C-alpha atoms as a PDB file:
ATOM      1  CA  MET A   1      43.886  53.127 -56.598  1.00  0.00           C
ATOM      2  CA  THR A   2      45.081  56.688 -56.529  1.00  0.00           C
ATOM      3  CA  GLY A   3      42.977  59.307 -58.127  1.00  0.00           C
ATOM      4  CA  GLU A   4      39.875  57.047 -58.455  1.00  0.00           C
ATOM      5  CA  GLN A   5      36.438  58.608 -58.344  1.00  0.00           C
ATOM      6  CA  MET A   6      33.445  56.733 -56.973  1.00  0.00           C
ATOM      7  CA  LEU A   7      29.815  57.713 -57.428  1.00  0.00           C
ATOM      8  CA  LEU A   8      27.536  55.791 -55.139  1.00  0.00           C
ATOM      9  CA  ARG A   9      23.693  55.395 -55.136  1.00  0.00           C
ATOM     10  CA  VAL A  10      21.631  55.995 -51.996  1.00  0.00           C
ATOM     11  CA  VAL A  11      17.897  55.307 -51.814  1.00  0.00           C
ATOM     12  CA  VAL A  12      15.866  57.100 -49.073  1.00  0.00           C
ATOM     13  CA  PHE A  13      12.562  55.707 -48.032  1.00  0.00           C
ATOM     14  CA  GLN A  14      10.039  55.868 -45.098  1.00  0.00           C
ATOM     15  CA  ASP A  15       9.643  52.851 -42.820  1.00  0.00           C
ATOM     16  CA  GLY A  16       6.861  53.530 -40.299  1.00  0.00           C
ATOM     17  CA  ASP A  17       7.895  56.799 -38.518  1.00  0.00           C
ATOM     18  CA  ALA A  18      11.503  56.626 -39.531  1.00  0.00           C
ATOM     19  CA  TRP A  19      13.270  57.630 -42.708  1.00  0.00           C
ATOM     20  CA  ILE A  20      16.054  55.327 -44.037  1.00  0.00           C
ATOM     21  CA  ALA A  21      19.018  56.274 -46.218  1.00  0.00           C
ATOM     22  CA  GLN A  22      20.608  53.134 -47.642  1.00  0.00           C
ATOM     23  CA  CYS A  23      23.724  53.058 -49.806  1.00  0.00           C
ATOM     24  CA  LEU A  24      23.252  50.372 -52.477  1.00  0.00           C
ATOM     25  CA  ASP A  25      26.892  49.936 -53.567  1.00  0.00           C
ATOM     26  CA  TYR A  26      27.926  49.273 -49.947  1.00  0.00           C
ATOM     27  CA  ASP A  27      25.695  48.153 -47.240  1.00  0.00           C
ATOM     28  CA  ILE A  28      25.701  51.329 -45.211  1.00  0.00           C
ATOM     29  CA  CYS A  29      22.604  53.063 -43.825  1.00  0.00           C
ATOM     30  CA  ALA A  30      21.281  55.664 -41.537  1.00  0.00           C
ATOM     31  CA  GLN A  31      17.893  56.328 -39.930  1.00  0.00           C
ATOM     32  CA  GLY A  32      16.305  59.607 -38.918  1.00  0.00           C
ATOM     33  CA  PRO A  33      12.866  61.181 -37.991  1.00  0.00           C
ATOM     34  CA  ASN A  34      12.735  63.326 -41.149  1.00  0.00           C
ATOM     35  CA  LEU A  35      14.552  63.718 -44.602  1.00  0.00           C
ATOM     36  CA  ASP A  36      16.881  66.463 -43.387  1.00  0.00           C
ATOM     37  CA  ALA A  37      17.921  64.416 -40.319  1.00  0.00           C
ATOM     38  CA  VAL A  38      18.438  61.276 -42.201  1.00  0.00           C
ATOM     39  CA  ARG A  39      20.600  63.083 -44.882  1.00  0.00           C
ATOM     40  CA  LYS A  40      22.762  64.671 -42.077  1.00  0.00           C
ATOM     41  CA  ARG A  41      23.026  61.367 -40.301  1.00  0.00           C
ATOM     42  CA  PHE A  42      24.030  59.542 -43.537  1.00  0.00           C
ATOM     43  CA  ASN A  43      26.834  62.003 -44.044  1.00  0.00           C
ATOM     44  CA  VAL A  44      28.232  61.192 -40.587  1.00  0.00           C
ATOM     45  CA  VAL A  45      27.805  57.495 -41.022  1.00  0.00           C
ATOM     46  CA  MET A  46      29.476  57.528 -44.497  1.00  0.00           C
ATOM     47  CA  ALA A  47      32.408  59.535 -43.134  1.00  0.00           C
ATOM     48  CA  ALA A  48      32.936  57.125 -40.291  1.00  0.00           C
ATOM     49  CA  GLU A  49      32.747  54.096 -42.631  1.00  0.00           C
ATOM     50  CA  ILE A  50      35.280  55.545 -44.923  1.00  0.00           C
ATOM     51  CA  ASP A  51      37.666  56.335 -42.117  1.00  0.00           C
ATOM     52  CA  GLU A  52      37.161  52.908 -40.442  1.00  0.00           C
ATOM     53  CA  SER A  53      37.434  50.834 -43.625  1.00  0.00           C
ATOM     54  CA  SER A  54      40.499  52.725 -44.698  1.00  0.00           C
ATOM     55  CA  ARG A  55      42.148  52.096 -41.313  1.00  0.00           C
ATOM     56  CA  ARG A  56      41.136  48.424 -41.085  1.00  0.00           C
ATOM     57  CA  ASN A  57      41.438  47.345 -44.687  1.00  0.00           C
ATOM     58  CA  GLY A  58      43.766  49.892 -46.361  1.00  0.00           C
ATOM     59  CA  ALA A  59      41.196  51.456 -48.741  1.00  0.00           C
ATOM     60  CA  PRO A  60      37.942  53.422 -48.309  1.00  0.00           C
ATOM     61  CA  LEU A  61      34.867  51.219 -48.058  1.00  0.00           C
ATOM     62  CA  SER A  62      36.754  47.954 -48.522  1.00  0.00           C
ATOM     63  CA  GLY A  63      35.363  44.882 -46.873  1.00  0.00           C
ATOM     64  CA  ILE A  64      31.829  46.256 -46.973  1.00  0.00           C
ATOM     65  CA  GLY A  65      29.536  44.330 -49.460  1.00  0.00           C
ATOM     66  CA  PRO A  66      26.513  45.727 -51.463  1.00  0.00           C
ATOM     67  CA  ALA A  67      23.044  46.156 -50.062  1.00  0.00           C
ATOM     68  CA  PRO A  68      20.535  43.280 -50.436  1.00  0.00           C
ATOM     69  CA  GLN A  69      18.756  42.869 -53.802  1.00  0.00           C
ATOM     70  CA  TRP A  70      15.353  44.097 -52.431  1.00  0.00           C
ATOM     71  CA  LEU A  71      16.953  47.451 -51.724  1.00  0.00           C
ATOM     72  CA  GLN A  72      18.739  47.536 -55.030  1.00  0.00           C
ATOM     73  CA  ASP A  73      15.368  47.244 -56.687  1.00  0.00           C
ATOM     74  CA  LYS A  74      14.184  50.390 -55.165  1.00  0.00           C
ATOM     75  CA  TRP A  75      16.698  52.353 -57.239  1.00  0.00           C
ATOM     76  CA  GLN A  76      14.963  51.273 -60.518  1.00  0.00           C
ATOM     77  CA  GLU A  77      11.881  53.601 -60.009  1.00  0.00           C
ATOM     78  CA  PRO A  78      12.745  56.480 -57.747  1.00  0.00           C
ATOM     79  CA  GLU A  79       9.890  59.005 -56.992  1.00  0.00           C
ATOM     80  CA  SER A  80      12.539  61.751 -57.269  1.00  0.00           C
ATOM     81  CA  THR A  81      16.254  62.538 -56.912  1.00  0.00           C
ATOM     82  CA  PHE A  82      17.889  64.983 -54.478  1.00  0.00           C
ATOM     83  CA  SER A  83      19.362  67.922 -56.283  1.00  0.00           C
ATOM     84  CA  THR A  84      22.539  67.851 -54.194  1.00  0.00           C
ATOM     85  CA  LYS A  85      25.367  65.316 -54.132  1.00  0.00           C
ATOM     86  CA  ARG A  86      27.718  64.969 -51.128  1.00  0.00           C
ATOM     87  CA  THR A  87      31.360  64.535 -51.827  1.00  0.00           C
ATOM     88  CA  PHE A  88      34.071  63.169 -49.552  1.00  0.00           C
ATOM     89  CA  LEU A  89      37.688  63.857 -50.442  1.00  0.00           C
ATOM     90  CA  VAL A  90      39.732  60.871 -49.403  1.00  0.00           C
ATOM     91  CA  MET A  91      43.493  60.493 -49.345  1.00  0.00           C
ATOM     92  CA  GLY A  92      44.412  58.330 -52.432  1.00  0.00           C
ATOM     93  CA  TYR A  93      41.045  59.024 -54.052  1.00  0.00           C
ATOM     94  CA  ALA A  94      39.851  62.052 -56.019  1.00  0.00           C
ATOM     95  CA  ALA A  95      36.488  61.787 -54.434  1.00  0.00           C
ATOM     96  CA  ILE A  96      33.693  59.620 -53.162  1.00  0.00           C
ATOM     97  CA  SER A  97      30.366  61.014 -53.972  1.00  0.00           C
ATOM     98  CA  TYR A  98      26.769  59.880 -53.701  1.00  0.00           C
ATOM     99  CA  GLU A  99      23.451  60.711 -55.257  1.00  0.00           C
ATOM    100  CA  MET A 100      20.198  60.142 -53.224  1.00  0.00           C
ATOM    101  CA  ALA A 101      16.913  59.143 -54.765  1.00  0.00           C
ATOM    102  CA  LEU A 102      13.585  59.078 -52.887  1.00  0.00           C
ATOM    103  CA  ALA A 103      11.890  55.685 -53.235  1.00  0.00           C
ATOM    104  CA  ALA A 104       8.335  54.816 -52.781  1.00  0.00           C
END
């Protein structure tokens, strides 16, 4: 899949005192005490998952299934979207990017 571009969806929501960033297309998430921390932690987790899945399975994010349906449903009515996208340049891929949406 050389030159492929992927745009992933990530919902962010509060659970008690923690903020959760959950990728919907692949079951990958991070947790933090505030929005800035969860965004930074998600970047680290996503980079690690891209590297590990590439090493183990031969392609970025291969072998990782989608998030559960109840999380998918959060994407339908986001409160707002973040103005920035994060892009990872991956060998064999043009880019893996994600867009975050704040869910209720």
